[in-house]
Amino acid sequence: MWGDKSKDEIITHIKEHIKKDISDSGIKWNDNLINDSVINQLLAYSDKLKNQFRNKYGKECEFYPELKISHKLSKLKEGEPDTLFGIIDLAVIDKTGQIHYFDYKSSPKDYSKFDTAKKRTYTYQLAMYGKLLRKYGLDYRNSDIGILPI
C-alpha cells in the first residue's frame, strides 16, 4: 500500500487521515492527540498482522482495507433508506479465493472481556457483512471472521 514512501511520509499521511476523521466527528483536534510513537506502534502491529495472515493464508493472499460493500433493499415505506452498506476494515482473500474479514475495535479491554451486549453488536455487524458478501457471490461460511484489537 505504501510503495516507496518514506516512514515520515507514511506517518504524515496517517496523522492527516486521523485528524480528518476526528474533526469530522465533531471532536476538536489537538496536535498532541496522536504522536509519532503511537503511529509507529500501529505500523508495527500492521506489519505483524500482515505476516500472520501471509503465514496462515499464503504469501500470495491479497489485502483489501476498508472494503466498501452495499446492497439495494426494497423500500417498505417512502422516505426509508433503500441501501444497506458497510465498510469491512480488512478483507483478506486467500490463494483459493476464500474471503476472510476482520473489524478493528479500539478498547483497553480484550474482546473476551467485553460485555454481552457489545459482543452481540459486533457479532451482528460481522454477520451483516457476511450477508452482504453473499450478495456479491462470496461465500463466507468457511471464512475466518473476527475482531482485531487496536
Protein backbone atom coordinates (compact mmCIF):
# COMPACT_ATOMS: atom_id res chain seq x y z
CA MET A 1 0.00 0.00 0.00
CA TRP A 2 2.75 2.43 0.88
CA GLY A 3 5.04 1.67 -2.06
CA ASP A 4 8.20 3.71 -1.94
CA LYS A 5 7.02 6.30 0.61
CA SER A 6 9.34 7.12 3.49
CA LYS A 7 8.31 6.39 7.06
CA ASP A 8 7.89 10.15 7.68
CA GLU A 9 5.55 10.42 4.67
CA ILE A 10 3.53 7.46 5.95
CA ILE A 11 3.26 8.96 9.45
CA THR A 12 2.18 12.32 7.99
CA HIS A 13 -0.46 10.61 5.82
CA ILE A 14 -1.83 8.62 8.78
CA LYS A 15 -1.95 11.72 11.00
CA GLU A 16 -3.87 13.66 8.35
CA HIS A 17 -6.33 10.79 7.92
CA ILE A 18 -6.88 10.51 11.68
CA LYS A 19 -7.15 14.30 12.03
CA LYS A 20 -9.86 14.39 9.35
CA ASP A 21 -11.80 11.51 10.94
CA ILE A 22 -11.65 13.11 14.38
CA SER A 23 -12.57 16.56 13.08
CA ASP A 24 -15.45 15.11 11.04
CA SER A 25 -16.81 13.50 14.20
CA GLY A 26 -17.06 16.92 15.87
CA ILE A 27 -14.14 16.50 18.27
CA LYS A 28 -11.72 19.40 18.44
CA TRP A 29 -8.33 18.35 17.07
CA ASN A 30 -5.23 18.72 19.24
CA ASP A 31 -1.81 18.18 17.59
CA ASN A 32 -0.64 16.30 20.70
CA LEU A 33 -3.55 13.85 20.48
CA ILE A 34 -1.68 11.33 18.30
CA ASN A 35 2.11 11.26 18.43
CA ASP A 36 4.63 9.52 16.18
CA SER A 37 5.23 6.80 18.77
CA VAL A 38 1.58 5.72 18.67
CA ILE A 39 1.61 5.66 14.86
CA ASN A 40 4.86 3.65 14.85
CA GLN A 41 3.19 1.13 17.19
CA LEU A 42 0.22 0.89 14.81
CA LEU A 43 2.54 0.37 11.84
CA ALA A 44 4.45 -2.36 13.70
CA TYR A 45 1.13 -4.03 14.63
CA SER A 46 0.02 -3.78 11.00
CA ASP A 47 3.24 -5.48 9.83
CA LYS A 48 2.77 -8.20 12.45
CA LEU A 49 -0.82 -8.85 11.26
CA LYS A 50 0.28 -8.89 7.63
CA ASN A 51 2.94 -11.51 8.39
CA GLN A 52 0.49 -13.61 10.43
CA PHE A 53 -2.07 -13.53 7.63
CA ARG A 54 0.54 -14.40 5.00
CA ASN A 55 1.69 -17.34 7.11
CA LYS A 56 -1.90 -18.53 7.54
CA TYR A 57 -3.39 -17.76 4.10
CA GLY A 58 -0.31 -17.97 1.88
CA LYS A 59 2.23 -15.44 0.64
CA GLU A 60 0.02 -14.60 -2.33
CA CYS A 61 -3.02 -13.59 -0.26
CA GLU A 62 -4.46 -10.18 -1.09
CA PHE A 63 -5.42 -7.46 1.38
CA TYR A 64 -8.38 -5.11 0.95
CA PRO A 65 -8.53 -2.46 3.69
CA GLU A 66 -11.76 -0.51 4.11
CA LEU A 67 -13.68 -2.67 1.66
CA LYS A 68 -16.99 -0.95 0.91
CA ILE A 69 -19.97 -3.24 0.40
CA SER A 70 -23.63 -2.42 -0.21
CA HIS A 71 -26.91 -3.87 -1.34
CA LYS A 72 -30.07 -2.21 -2.60
CA LEU A 73 -33.12 -3.03 -0.47
CA SER A 74 -36.76 -2.98 -1.38
CA LYS A 75 -38.37 0.04 0.19
CA LEU A 76 -41.15 -0.67 2.61
CA LYS A 77 -42.18 2.96 3.02
CA GLU A 78 -41.43 6.13 1.13
CA GLY A 79 -38.55 8.04 2.68
CA GLU A 80 -36.91 4.99 4.25
CA PRO A 81 -33.33 4.15 3.35
CA ASP A 82 -33.11 1.80 0.39
CA THR A 83 -29.48 0.73 0.67
CA LEU A 84 -27.67 -1.29 3.30
CA PHE A 85 -23.95 -0.67 3.32
CA GLY A 86 -20.88 -1.27 5.40
CA ILE A 87 -17.14 -0.94 5.39
CA ILE A 88 -15.14 -4.03 6.25
CA ASP A 89 -11.99 -2.82 7.98
CA LEU A 90 -9.83 -5.58 6.49
CA ALA A 91 -10.69 -8.30 3.99
CA VAL A 92 -8.12 -10.93 3.07
CA ILE A 93 -8.52 -13.17 0.04
CA ASP A 94 -6.50 -16.37 0.25
CA LYS A 95 -4.99 -18.31 -2.67
CA THR A 96 -8.18 -20.37 -3.07
CA GLY A 97 -10.32 -17.22 -3.40
CA GLN A 98 -11.86 -17.61 0.06
CA ILE A 99 -12.57 -14.29 1.78
CA HIS A 100 -11.72 -13.70 5.43
CA TYR A 101 -12.78 -10.47 7.08
CA PHE A 102 -11.99 -8.56 10.22
CA ASP A 103 -13.12 -5.46 12.04
CA TYR A 104 -10.80 -3.27 14.08
CA LYS A 105 -12.00 -2.28 17.53
CA SER A 106 -10.18 0.05 19.86
CA SER A 107 -10.56 -0.72 23.53
CA PRO A 108 -8.31 -1.03 26.54
CA LYS A 109 -10.12 -4.34 27.25
CA ASP A 110 -9.57 -7.62 25.45
CA TYR A 111 -12.55 -8.74 23.33
CA SER A 112 -13.13 -11.68 25.68
CA LYS A 113 -13.82 -9.18 28.48
CA PHE A 114 -16.44 -7.17 26.53
CA ASP A 115 -19.95 -7.27 27.95
CA THR A 116 -22.57 -9.43 26.27
CA ALA A 117 -24.37 -6.51 24.59
CA LYS A 118 -21.19 -5.26 22.96
CA LYS A 119 -20.25 -8.78 21.78
CA ARG A 120 -23.73 -9.22 20.29
CA THR A 121 -23.46 -5.89 18.49
CA TYR A 122 -20.13 -6.86 16.93
CA THR A 123 -21.39 -10.36 16.08
CA TYR A 124 -24.41 -8.81 14.34
CA GLN A 125 -22.19 -6.35 12.46
CA LEU A 126 -19.91 -9.14 11.20
CA ALA A 127 -22.91 -11.32 10.28
CA MET A 128 -24.40 -8.47 8.24
CA TYR A 129 -21.09 -8.11 6.40
CA GLY A 130 -21.32 -11.82 5.60
CA LYS A 131 -24.83 -11.45 4.22
CA LEU A 132 -23.72 -8.51 2.07
CA LEU A 133 -20.71 -10.50 0.82
CA ARG A 134 -23.07 -13.31 -0.29
CA LYS A 135 -24.88 -10.76 -2.47
CA TYR A 136 -21.53 -10.36 -4.27
CA GLY A 137 -21.30 -14.13 -4.71
CA LEU A 138 -18.69 -14.56 -1.97
CA ASP A 139 -19.28 -17.48 0.37
CA TYR A 140 -18.19 -16.63 3.90
CA ARG A 141 -19.25 -19.87 5.63
CA ASN A 142 -15.66 -21.18 5.75
CA SER A 143 -14.15 -17.76 6.38
CA ASP A 144 -12.19 -16.59 9.34
CA ILE A 145 -14.15 -13.68 10.77
CA GLY A 146 -13.10 -11.68 13.74
CA ILE A 147 -12.28 -8.63 15.76
CA LEU A 148 -8.77 -7.19 15.63
CA PRO A 149 -7.91 -5.10 18.69
CA ILE A 150 -6.09 -1.82 18.21
